[in-house]
PDB file of N, CA and C in Angstrom:
ATOM      1  N   MET A   1     147.998  36.252 120.947  1.00  0.00           N
ATOM      2  CA  MET A   1     149.095  35.268 121.054  1.00  0.00           C
ATOM      3  C   MET A   1     148.967  34.147 120.055  1.00  0.00           C
ATOM      4  N   PRO A   2     150.008  33.797 119.329  1.00  0.00           N
ATOM      5  CA  PRO A   2     149.967  32.746 118.333  1.00  0.00           C
ATOM      6  C   PRO A   2     149.562  31.364 118.924  1.00  0.00           C
ATOM      7  N   GLN A   3     148.795  30.546 118.285  1.00  0.00           N
ATOM      8  CA  GLN A   3     148.391  29.217 118.723  1.00  0.00           C
ATOM      9  C   GLN A   3     149.418  28.280 118.227  1.00  0.00           C
ATOM     10  N   SER A   4     149.736  27.264 119.087  1.00  0.00           N
ATOM     11  CA  SER A   4     150.644  26.207 118.729  1.00  0.00           C
ATOM     12  C   SER A   4     150.250  24.933 119.309  1.00  0.00           C
ATOM     13  N   VAL A   5     150.773  23.827 118.772  1.00  0.00           N
ATOM     14  CA  VAL A   5     150.406  22.481 119.306  1.00  0.00           C
ATOM     15  C   VAL A   5     151.722  21.638 119.307  1.00  0.00           C
ATOM     16  N   LEU A   6     151.779  20.577 120.040  1.00  0.00           N
ATOM     17  CA  LEU A   6     152.746  19.619 119.839  1.00  0.00           C
ATOM     18  C   LEU A   6     152.162  18.389 119.124  1.00  0.00           C
ATOM     19  N   ALA A   7     152.658  18.004 118.065  1.00  0.00           N
ATOM     20  CA  ALA A   7     152.192  16.907 117.296  1.00  0.00           C
ATOM     21  C   ALA A   7     152.887  15.672 117.610  1.00  0.00           C
ATOM     22  N   ILE A   8     152.230  14.528 117.824  1.00  0.00           N
ATOM     23  CA  ILE A   8     152.856  13.353 118.184  1.00  0.00           C
ATOM     24  C   ILE A   8     153.392  12.603 116.954  1.00  0.00           C
ATOM     25  N   LEU A   9     154.670  12.353 116.851  1.00  0.00           N
ATOM     26  CA  LEU A   9     155.320  11.659 115.746  1.00  0.00           C
ATOM     27  C   LEU A   9     155.387  10.202 115.929  1.00  0.00           C
ATOM     28  N   THR A  10     155.762   9.667 117.096  1.00  0.00           N
ATOM     29  CA  THR A  10     155.859   8.301 117.453  1.00  0.00           C
ATOM     30  C   THR A  10     155.441   7.926 118.816  1.00  0.00           C
ATOM     31  N   VAL A  11     154.891   6.824 118.982  1.00  0.00           N
ATOM     32  CA  VAL A  11     154.659   6.227 120.357  1.00  0.00           C
ATOM     33  C   VAL A  11     155.171   4.827 120.337  1.00  0.00           C
ATOM     34  N   THR A  12     156.161   4.560 121.365  1.00  0.00           N
ATOM     35  CA  THR A  12     156.684   3.222 121.428  1.00  0.00           C
ATOM     36  C   THR A  12     156.763   2.714 122.814  1.00  0.00           C
ATOM     37  N   ASP A  13     156.831   1.539 123.069  1.00  0.00           N
ATOM     38  CA  ASP A  13     157.086   0.971 124.424  1.00  0.00           C
ATOM     39  C   ASP A  13     158.467   1.314 124.889  1.00  0.00           C
ATOM     40  N   ARG A  14     158.683   1.611 126.132  1.00  0.00           N
ATOM     41  CA  ARG A  14     159.926   1.919 126.665  1.00  0.00           C
ATOM     42  C   ARG A  14     160.848   0.679 126.639  1.00  0.00           C
ATOM     43  N   PRO A  15     162.106   0.848 126.148  1.00  0.00           N
ATOM     44  CA  PRO A  15     163.037  -0.314 126.105  1.00  0.00           C
ATOM     45  C   PRO A  15     163.355  -0.928 127.468  1.00  0.00           C
ATOM     46  N   VAL A  16     163.305  -0.201 128.505  1.00  0.00           N
ATOM     47  CA  VAL A  16     163.550  -0.711 129.856  1.00  0.00           C
ATOM     48  C   VAL A  16     162.384  -0.191 130.785  1.00  0.00           C
ATOM     49  N   GLY A  17     161.788  -1.139 131.526  1.00  0.00           N
ATOM     50  CA  GLY A  17     160.721  -0.783 132.384  1.00  0.00           C
ATOM     51  C   GLY A  17     159.380  -0.806 131.645  1.00  0.00           C
ATOM     52  N   VAL A  18     158.419  -0.278 132.395  1.00  0.00           N
ATOM     53  CA  VAL A  18     157.041  -0.174 131.926  1.00  0.00           C
ATOM     54  C   VAL A  18     156.644   1.231 131.467  1.00  0.00           C
ATOM     55  N   GLY A  19     155.907   1.398 130.426  1.00  0.00           N
ATOM     56  CA  GLY A  19     155.463   2.658 130.041  1.00  0.00           C
ATOM     57  C   GLY A  19     155.702   2.964 128.480  1.00  0.00           C
ATOM     58  N   SER A  20     155.553   4.209 128.142  1.00  0.00           N
ATOM     59  CA  SER A  20     155.716   4.600 126.676  1.00  0.00           C
ATOM     60  C   SER A  20     156.666   5.773 126.483  1.00  0.00           C
ATOM     61  N   LEU A  21     157.301   5.798 125.341  1.00  0.00           N
ATOM     62  CA  LEU A  21     158.079   6.890 124.884  1.00  0.00           C
ATOM     63  C   LEU A  21     157.315   7.567 123.822  1.00  0.00           C
ATOM     64  N   VAL A  22     157.160   8.904 123.923  1.00  0.00           N
ATOM     65  CA  VAL A  22     156.366   9.624 122.917  1.00  0.00           C
ATOM     66  C   VAL A  22     157.292  10.687 122.354  1.00  0.00           C
ATOM     67  N   GLU A  23     157.468  10.657 121.041  1.00  0.00           N
ATOM     68  CA  GLU A  23     158.176  11.710 120.344  1.00  0.00           C
ATOM     69  C   GLU A  23     157.223  12.841 119.871  1.00  0.00           C
ATOM     70  N   VAL A  24     157.425  14.060 120.308  1.00  0.00           N
ATOM     71  CA  VAL A  24     156.539  15.198 119.817  1.00  0.00           C
ATOM     72  C   VAL A  24     157.422  16.263 119.134  1.00  0.00           C
ATOM     73  N   VAL A  25     156.778  16.923 118.137  1.00  0.00           N
ATOM     74  CA  VAL A  25     157.310  17.993 117.448  1.00  0.00           C
ATOM     75  C   VAL A  25     156.497  19.221 117.640  1.00  0.00           C
ATOM     76  N   LEU A  26     157.199  20.441 117.768  1.00  0.00           N
ATOM     77  CA  LEU A  26     156.506  21.740 117.969  1.00  0.00           C
ATOM     78  C   LEU A  26     155.982  22.229 116.632  1.00  0.00           C
ATOM     79  N   CYS A  27     154.694  22.569 116.573  1.00  0.00           N
ATOM     80  CA  CYS A  27     154.139  23.283 115.473  1.00  0.00           C
ATOM     81  C   CYS A  27     153.703  24.623 115.954  1.00  0.00           C
ATOM     82  N   HIS A  28     154.507  25.543 115.678  1.00  0.00           N
ATOM     83  CA  HIS A  28     154.364  27.007 116.283  1.00  0.00           C
ATOM     84  C   HIS A  28     154.583  28.038 115.083  1.00  0.00           C
ATOM     85  N   PRO A  29     153.739  29.049 115.077  1.00  0.00           N
ATOM     86  CA  PRO A  29     153.934  30.084 114.006  1.00  0.00           C
ATOM     87  C   PRO A  29     155.147  30.848 114.089  1.00  0.00           C
ATOM     88  N   GLU A  30     155.719  30.921 115.303  1.00  0.00           N
ATOM     89  CA  GLU A  30     156.978  31.653 115.502  1.00  0.00           C
ATOM     90  C   GLU A  30     158.183  30.773 115.223  1.00  0.00           C
ATOM     91  N   LYS A  31     158.974  31.070 114.273  1.00  0.00           N
ATOM     92  CA  LYS A  31     160.051  30.175 113.831  1.00  0.00           C
ATOM     93  C   LYS A  31     161.054  29.720 114.958  1.00  0.00           C
ATOM     94  N   ASN A  32     161.477  30.570 115.888  1.00  0.00           N
ATOM     95  CA  ASN A  32     162.379  30.202 116.931  1.00  0.00           C
ATOM     96  C   ASN A  32     161.876  29.948 118.271  1.00  0.00           C
ATOM     97  N   ALA A  33     160.518  29.516 118.265  1.00  0.00           N
ATOM     98  CA  ALA A  33     159.943  29.286 119.535  1.00  0.00           C
ATOM     99  C   ALA A  33     160.510  27.998 120.147  1.00  0.00           C
ATOM    100  N   THR A  34     160.836  28.043 121.409  1.00  0.00           N
ATOM    101  CA  THR A  34     161.207  26.872 122.105  1.00  0.00           C
ATOM    102  C   THR A  34     160.610  26.939 123.673  1.00  0.00           C
ATOM    103  N   PRO A  35     159.319  26.647 123.681  1.00  0.00           N
ATOM    104  CA  PRO A  35     158.683  26.682 125.001  1.00  0.00           C
ATOM    105  C   PRO A  35     159.033  25.708 125.939  1.00  0.00           C
ATOM    106  N   ASP A  36     158.653  25.947 127.258  1.00  0.00           N
ATOM    107  CA  ASP A  36     158.815  24.914 128.305  1.00  0.00           C
ATOM    108  C   ASP A  36     157.516  24.004 128.201  1.00  0.00           C
ATOM    109  N   ILE A  37     157.681  22.913 127.425  1.00  0.00           N
ATOM    110  CA  ILE A  37     156.486  22.137 127.108  1.00  0.00           C
ATOM    111  C   ILE A  37     155.796  21.500 128.327  1.00  0.00           C
ATOM    112  N   GLN A  38     156.474  21.220 129.403  1.00  0.00           N
ATOM    113  CA  GLN A  38     155.828  20.671 130.521  1.00  0.00           C
ATOM    114  C   GLN A  38     154.896  21.741 131.147  1.00  0.00           C
ATOM    115  N   THR A  39     155.328  22.959 131.185  1.00  0.00           N
ATOM    116  CA  THR A  39     154.497  24.087 131.738  1.00  0.00           C
ATOM    117  C   THR A  39     153.420  24.505 130.818  1.00  0.00           C
ATOM    118  N   GLU A  40     153.659  24.581 129.508  1.00  0.00           N
ATOM    119  CA  GLU A  40     152.749  25.184 128.625  1.00  0.00           C
ATOM    120  C   GLU A  40     151.731  24.232 127.949  1.00  0.00           C
ATOM    121  N   TYR A  41     152.044  22.911 127.935  1.00  0.00           N
ATOM    122  CA  TYR A  41     151.299  21.978 127.128  1.00  0.00           C
ATOM    123  C   TYR A  41     150.691  20.925 128.066  1.00  0.00           C
ATOM    124  N   ASP A  42     149.588  20.368 127.733  1.00  0.00           N
ATOM    125  CA  ASP A  42     148.845  19.355 128.565  1.00  0.00           C
ATOM    126  C   ASP A  42     149.431  18.007 128.268  1.00  0.00           C
ATOM    127  N   LEU A  43     150.646  17.776 128.773  1.00  0.00           N
ATOM    128  CA  LEU A  43     151.310  16.474 128.551  1.00  0.00           C
ATOM    129  C   LEU A  43     150.587  15.396 129.520  1.00  0.00           C
ATOM    130  N   ALA A  44     149.977  15.889 130.510  1.00  0.00           N
ATOM    131  CA  ALA A  44     149.398  14.857 131.538  1.00  0.00           C
ATOM    132  C   ALA A  44     148.089  14.362 130.827  1.00  0.00           C
ATOM    133  N   SER A  45     147.601  14.886 129.740  1.00  0.00           N
ATOM    134  CA  SER A  45     146.423  14.355 129.045  1.00  0.00           C
ATOM    135  C   SER A  45     146.689  12.934 128.609  1.00  0.00           C
ATOM    136  N   LEU A  46     147.934  12.535 128.435  1.00  0.00           N
ATOM    137  CA  LEU A  46     148.300  11.190 127.894  1.00  0.00           C
ATOM    138  C   LEU A  46     148.535  10.282 129.081  1.00  0.00           C
ATOM    139  N   GLY A  47     148.878  10.751 130.268  1.00  0.00           N
ATOM    140  CA  GLY A  47     149.295   9.923 131.379  1.00  0.00           C
ATOM    141  C   GLY A  47     150.279  10.646 132.244  1.00  0.00           C
ATOM    142  N   GLU A  48     150.855   9.918 133.143  1.00  0.00           N
ATOM    143  CA  GLU A  48     151.838  10.487 134.143  1.00  0.00           C
ATOM    144  C   GLU A  48     153.181  10.601 133.424  1.00  0.00           C
ATOM    145  N   VAL A  49     153.669  11.731 133.432  1.00  0.00           N
ATOM    146  CA  VAL A  49     154.962  12.056 132.712  1.00  0.00           C
ATOM    147  C   VAL A  49     156.146  11.711 133.770  1.00  0.00           C
ATOM    148  N   GLU A  50     156.998  10.901 133.237  1.00  0.00           N
ATOM    149  CA  GLU A  50     158.221  10.525 134.158  1.00  0.00           C
ATOM    150  C   GLU A  50     159.406  11.393 133.829  1.00  0.00           C
ATOM    151  N   SER A  51     159.692  11.776 132.531  1.00  0.00           N
ATOM    152  CA  SER A  51     160.775  12.594 132.234  1.00  0.00           C
ATOM    153  C   SER A  51     160.635  13.173 130.871  1.00  0.00           C
ATOM    154  N   ILE A  52     161.340  14.283 130.492  1.00  0.00           N
ATOM    155  CA  ILE A  52     161.345  14.917 129.233  1.00  0.00           C
ATOM    156  C   ILE A  52     162.710  15.176 128.823  1.00  0.00           C
ATOM    157  N   HIS A  53     163.068  14.875 127.575  1.00  0.00           N
ATOM    158  CA  HIS A  53     164.410  15.049 127.017  1.00  0.00           C
ATOM    159  C   HIS A  53     164.245  15.895 125.696  1.00  0.00           C
ATOM    160  N   GLY A  54     165.041  17.000 125.611  1.00  0.00           N
ATOM    161  CA  GLY A  54     165.011  17.816 124.478  1.00  0.00           C
ATOM    162  C   GLY A  54     165.015  19.282 124.877  1.00  0.00           C
ATOM    163  N   PRO A  55     164.924  20.154 123.956  1.00  0.00           N
ATOM    164  CA  PRO A  55     164.563  19.911 122.535  1.00  0.00           C
ATOM    165  C   PRO A  55     165.773  19.553 121.671  1.00  0.00           C
ATOM    166  N   PHE A  56     165.469  18.780 120.555  1.00  0.00           N
ATOM    167  CA  PHE A  56     166.414  18.347 119.619  1.00  0.00           C
ATOM    168  C   PHE A  56     165.945  18.808 118.245  1.00  0.00           C
ATOM    169  N   CYS A  57     166.775  19.083 117.380  1.00  0.00           N
ATOM    170  CA  CYS A  57     166.530  19.344 115.974  1.00  0.00           C
ATOM    171  C   CYS A  57     165.874  20.643 115.711  1.00  0.00           C
ATOM    172  N   ASN A  58     165.536  20.869 114.431  1.00  0.00           N
ATOM    173  CA  ASN A  58     164.775  22.036 114.023  1.00  0.00           C
ATOM    174  C   ASN A  58     163.775  21.544 112.935  1.00  0.00           C
ATOM    175  N   PRO A  59     162.438  21.715 113.190  1.00  0.00           N
ATOM    176  CA  PRO A  59     161.820  22.270 114.346  1.00  0.00           C
ATOM    177  C   PRO A  59     162.049  21.372 115.598  1.00  0.00           C
ATOM    178  N   PRO A  60     161.842  22.064 116.740  1.00  0.00           N
ATOM    179  CA  PRO A  60     162.186  21.331 117.997  1.00  0.00           C
ATOM    180  C   PRO A  60     161.353  20.083 118.262  1.00  0.00           C
ATOM    181  N   ARG A  61     161.952  19.032 118.697  1.00  0.00           N
ATOM    182  CA  ARG A  61     161.390  17.819 119.139  1.00  0.00           C
ATOM    183  C   ARG A  61     161.802  17.401 120.513  1.00  0.00           C
ATOM    184  N   TRP A  62     160.946  16.580 121.219  1.00  0.00           N
ATOM    185  CA  TRP A  62     161.197  16.131 122.496  1.00  0.00           C
ATOM    186  C   TRP A  62     160.783  14.721 122.608  1.00  0.00           C
ATOM    187  N   MET A  63     161.488  14.001 123.500  1.00  0.00           N
ATOM    188  CA  MET A  63     161.056  12.654 123.877  1.00  0.00           C
ATOM    189  C   MET A  63     160.475  12.702 125.303  1.00  0.00           C
ATOM    190  N   VAL A  64     159.308  12.277 125.360  1.00  0.00           N
ATOM    191  CA  VAL A  64     158.514  12.299 126.682  1.00  0.00           C
ATOM    192  C   VAL A  64     158.311  10.867 127.103  1.00  0.00           C
ATOM    193  N   SER A  65     158.839  10.508 128.302  1.00  0.00           N
ATOM    194  CA  SER A  65     158.739   9.177 128.886  1.00  0.00           C
ATOM    195  C   SER A  65     157.513   9.226 129.855  1.00  0.00           C
ATOM    196  N   TYR A  66     156.584   8.250 129.675  1.00  0.00           N
ATOM    197  CA  TYR A  66     155.417   8.147 130.476  1.00  0.00           C
ATOM    198  C   TYR A  66     155.520   6.869 131.326  1.00  0.00           C
ATOM    199  N   LYS A  67     155.082   6.894 132.572  1.00  0.00           N
ATOM    200  CA  LYS A  67     155.144   5.838 133.522  1.00  0.00           C
ATOM    201  C   LYS A  67     154.196   4.646 133.031  1.00  0.00           C
ATOM    202  N   GLY A  68     153.134   4.896 132.321  1.00  0.00           N
ATOM    203  CA  GLY A  68     152.208   3.877 131.925  1.00  0.00           C
ATOM    204  C   GLY A  68     152.073   3.855 130.432  1.00  0.00           C
ATOM    205  N   LYS A  69     151.285   2.944 129.887  1.00  0.00           N
ATOM    206  CA  LYS A  69     151.102   2.669 128.524  1.00  0.00           C
ATOM    207  C   LYS A  69     150.217   3.978 128.020  1.00  0.00           C
ATOM    208  N   VAL A  70     150.578   4.542 126.872  1.00  0.00           N
ATOM    209  CA  VAL A  70     149.924   5.600 126.270  1.00  0.00           C
ATOM    210  C   VAL A  70     149.054   5.177 125.053  1.00  0.00           C
ATOM    211  N   SER A  71     147.843   5.589 125.036  1.00  0.00           N
ATOM    212  CA  SER A  71     146.975   5.088 123.885  1.00  0.00           C
ATOM    213  C   SER A  71     146.899   6.031 122.702  1.00  0.00           C
ATOM    214  N   ALA A  72     147.603   7.227 122.688  1.00  0.00           N
ATOM    215  CA  ALA A  72     147.639   8.063 121.529  1.00  0.00           C
ATOM    216  C   ALA A  72     148.401   7.497 120.458  1.00  0.00           C
ATOM    217  N   GLU A  73     148.234   8.105 119.220  1.00  0.00           N
ATOM    218  CA  GLU A  73     148.867   7.553 117.987  1.00  0.00           C
ATOM    219  C   GLU A  73     149.473   8.836 117.234  1.00  0.00           C
ATOM    220  N   LYS A  74     150.299   8.500 116.251  1.00  0.00           N
ATOM    221  CA  LYS A  74     150.867   9.476 115.442  1.00  0.00           C
ATOM    222  C   LYS A  74     149.734  10.368 114.852  1.00  0.00           C
ATOM    223  N   GLY A  75     149.923  11.590 114.794  1.00  0.00           N
ATOM    224  CA  GLY A  75     148.858  12.553 114.328  1.00  0.00           C
ATOM    225  C   GLY A  75     148.059  13.222 115.389  1.00  0.00           C
ATOM    226  N   TYR A  76     148.153  12.675 116.653  1.00  0.00           N
ATOM    227  CA  TYR A  76     147.331  13.390 117.699  1.00  0.00           C
ATOM    228  C   TYR A  76     148.079  14.704 117.993  1.00  0.00           C
ATOM    229  N   TRP A  77     147.284  15.605 118.496  1.00  0.00           N
ATOM    230  CA  TRP A  77     147.831  16.956 118.949  1.00  0.00           C
ATOM    231  C   TRP A  77     147.642  17.067 120.435  1.00  0.00           C
ATOM    232  N   ILE A  78     148.679  17.584 121.058  1.00  0.00           N
ATOM    233  CA  ILE A  78     148.652  18.024 122.518  1.00  0.00           C
ATOM    234  C   ILE A  78     148.591  19.461 122.402  1.00  0.00           C
ATOM    235  N   ARG A  79     147.532  20.002 122.899  1.00  0.00           N
ATOM    236  CA  ARG A  79     147.261  21.547 122.836  1.00  0.00           C
ATOM    237  C   ARG A  79     147.858  22.131 124.099  1.00  0.00           C
ATOM    238  N   GLN A  80     147.933  23.506 123.927  1.00  0.00           N
ATOM    239  CA  GLN A  80     148.384  24.297 125.156  1.00  0.00           C
ATOM    240  C   GLN A  80     147.363  24.206 126.252  1.00  0.00           C
ATOM    241  N   LYS A  81     147.848  24.292 127.487  1.00  0.00           N
ATOM    242  CA  LYS A  81     146.935  24.118 128.683  1.00  0.00           C
ATOM    243  C   LYS A  81     145.829  25.111 128.705  1.00  0.00           C
ATOM    244  N   THR A  82     145.996  26.279 128.087  1.00  0.00           N
ATOM    245  CA  THR A  82     144.968  27.272 128.020  1.00  0.00           C
ATOM    246  C   THR A  82     143.755  26.895 127.237  1.00  0.00           C
ATOM    247  N   GLU A  83     143.960  25.921 126.302  1.00  0.00           N
ATOM    248  CA  GLU A  83     142.820  25.495 125.477  1.00  0.00           C
ATOM    249  C   GLU A  83     141.982  24.424 126.065  1.00  0.00           C
ATOM    250  N   ILE A  84     140.698  24.308 125.652  1.00  0.00           N
ATOM    251  CA  ILE A  84     139.894  23.330 126.180  1.00  0.00           C
ATOM    252  C   ILE A  84     140.174  21.983 125.514  1.00  0.00           C
ATOM    253  N   GLY A  85     140.226  20.903 126.324  1.00  0.00           N
ATOM    254  CA  GLY A  85     140.257  19.518 125.734  1.00  0.00           C
ATOM    255  C   GLY A  85     141.693  18.862 125.675  1.00  0.00           C
ATOM    256  N   GLY A  86     142.734  19.655 125.871  1.00  0.00           N
ATOM    257  CA  GLY A  86     144.090  19.057 125.996  1.00  0.00           C
ATOM    258  C   GLY A  86     144.453  18.238 124.692  1.00  0.00           C
ATOM    259  N   LEU A  87     143.975  17.072 124.634  1.00  0.00           N
ATOM    260  CA  LEU A  87     144.364  16.076 123.598  1.00  0.00           C
ATOM    261  C   LEU A  87     143.141  16.030 122.628  1.00  0.00           C
ATOM    262  N   ARG A  88     143.492  16.206 121.319  1.00  0.00           N
ATOM    263  CA  ARG A  88     142.327  16.128 120.297  1.00  0.00           C
ATOM    264  C   ARG A  88     142.932  15.378 119.086  1.00  0.00           C
ATOM    265  N   ARG A  89     142.124  14.458 118.515  1.00  0.00           N
ATOM    266  CA  ARG A  89     142.433  13.728 117.331  1.00  0.00           C
ATOM    267  C   ARG A  89     142.279  14.679 116.118  1.00  0.00           C
ATOM    268  N   GLU A  90     143.404  14.777 115.375  1.00  0.00           N
ATOM    269  CA  GLU A  90     143.359  15.655 114.191  1.00  0.00           C
ATOM    270  C   GLU A  90     143.964  14.930 113.055  1.00  0.00           C
ATOM    271  N   GLN A  91     144.072  15.572 111.860  1.00  0.00           N
ATOM    272  CA  GLN A  91     144.718  15.020 110.759  1.00  0.00           C
ATOM    273  C   GLN A  91     146.274  14.887 111.013  1.00  0.00           C
ATOM    274  N   SER A  92     146.954  13.954 110.265  1.00  0.00           N
ATOM    275  CA  SER A  92     148.403  13.845 110.576  1.00  0.00           C
ATOM    276  C   SER A  92     149.105  15.116 110.274  1.00  0.00           C
ATOM    277  N   LEU A  93     150.234  15.187 110.725  1.00  0.00           N
ATOM    278  CA  LEU A  93     151.059  16.431 110.641  1.00  0.00           C
ATOM    279  C   LEU A  93     151.300  16.857 109.200  1.00  0.00           C
ATOM    280  N   SER A  94     151.654  15.837 108.364  1.00  0.00           N
ATOM    281  CA  SER A  94     151.960  16.042 107.002  1.00  0.00           C
ATOM    282  C   SER A  94     150.700  16.732 106.295  1.00  0.00           C
ATOM    283  N   LYS A  95     149.534  16.234 106.569  1.00  0.00           N
ATOM    284  CA  LYS A  95     148.393  16.675 106.072  1.00  0.00           C
ATOM    285  C   LYS A  95     148.091  18.100 106.409  1.00  0.00           C
ATOM    286  N   GLN A  96     148.359  18.452 107.743  1.00  0.00           N
ATOM    287  CA  GLN A  96     148.144  19.763 108.237  1.00  0.00           C
ATOM    288  C   GLN A  96     149.048  20.815 107.495  1.00  0.00           C
ATOM    289  N   GLN A  97     150.166  20.424 107.171  1.00  0.00           N
ATOM    290  CA  GLN A  97     151.184  21.289 106.546  1.00  0.00           C
ATOM    291  C   GLN A  97     150.743  21.552 105.070  1.00  0.00           C
ATOM    292  N   GLU A  98     150.043  20.624 104.418  1.00  0.00           N
ATOM    293  CA  GLU A  98     149.604  20.774 103.107  1.00  0.00           C
ATOM    294  C   GLU A  98     148.476  21.698 102.963  1.00  0.00           C
ATOM    295  N   ASN A  99     147.620  21.838 103.999  1.00  0.00           N
ATOM    296  CA  ASN A  99     146.484  22.795 103.938  1.00  0.00           C
ATOM    297  C   ASN A  99     146.748  24.227 104.201  1.00  0.00           C
TER     298      ASN A  99
END
């Protein structure tokens, strides 16, 4: 099975209420993949998920709303639930694409 990750593009404070908005993009070897990110990826590794909106654009992106403050930054990867570790600090997405 091909490996894939969600790369974090932005982390901002929610405009209303308490918590964070996290924009993620899918990095997947299959061009037309659109997985159920809540089921397949360890979104809870960042905190308690309130809602998910998307996918938007190509490659697919989602906005994930968290109930609390998220400490992750751009360039973090959220791995599939089957992998060990869930969240791992890696190079930024643009650097990954160059390699």
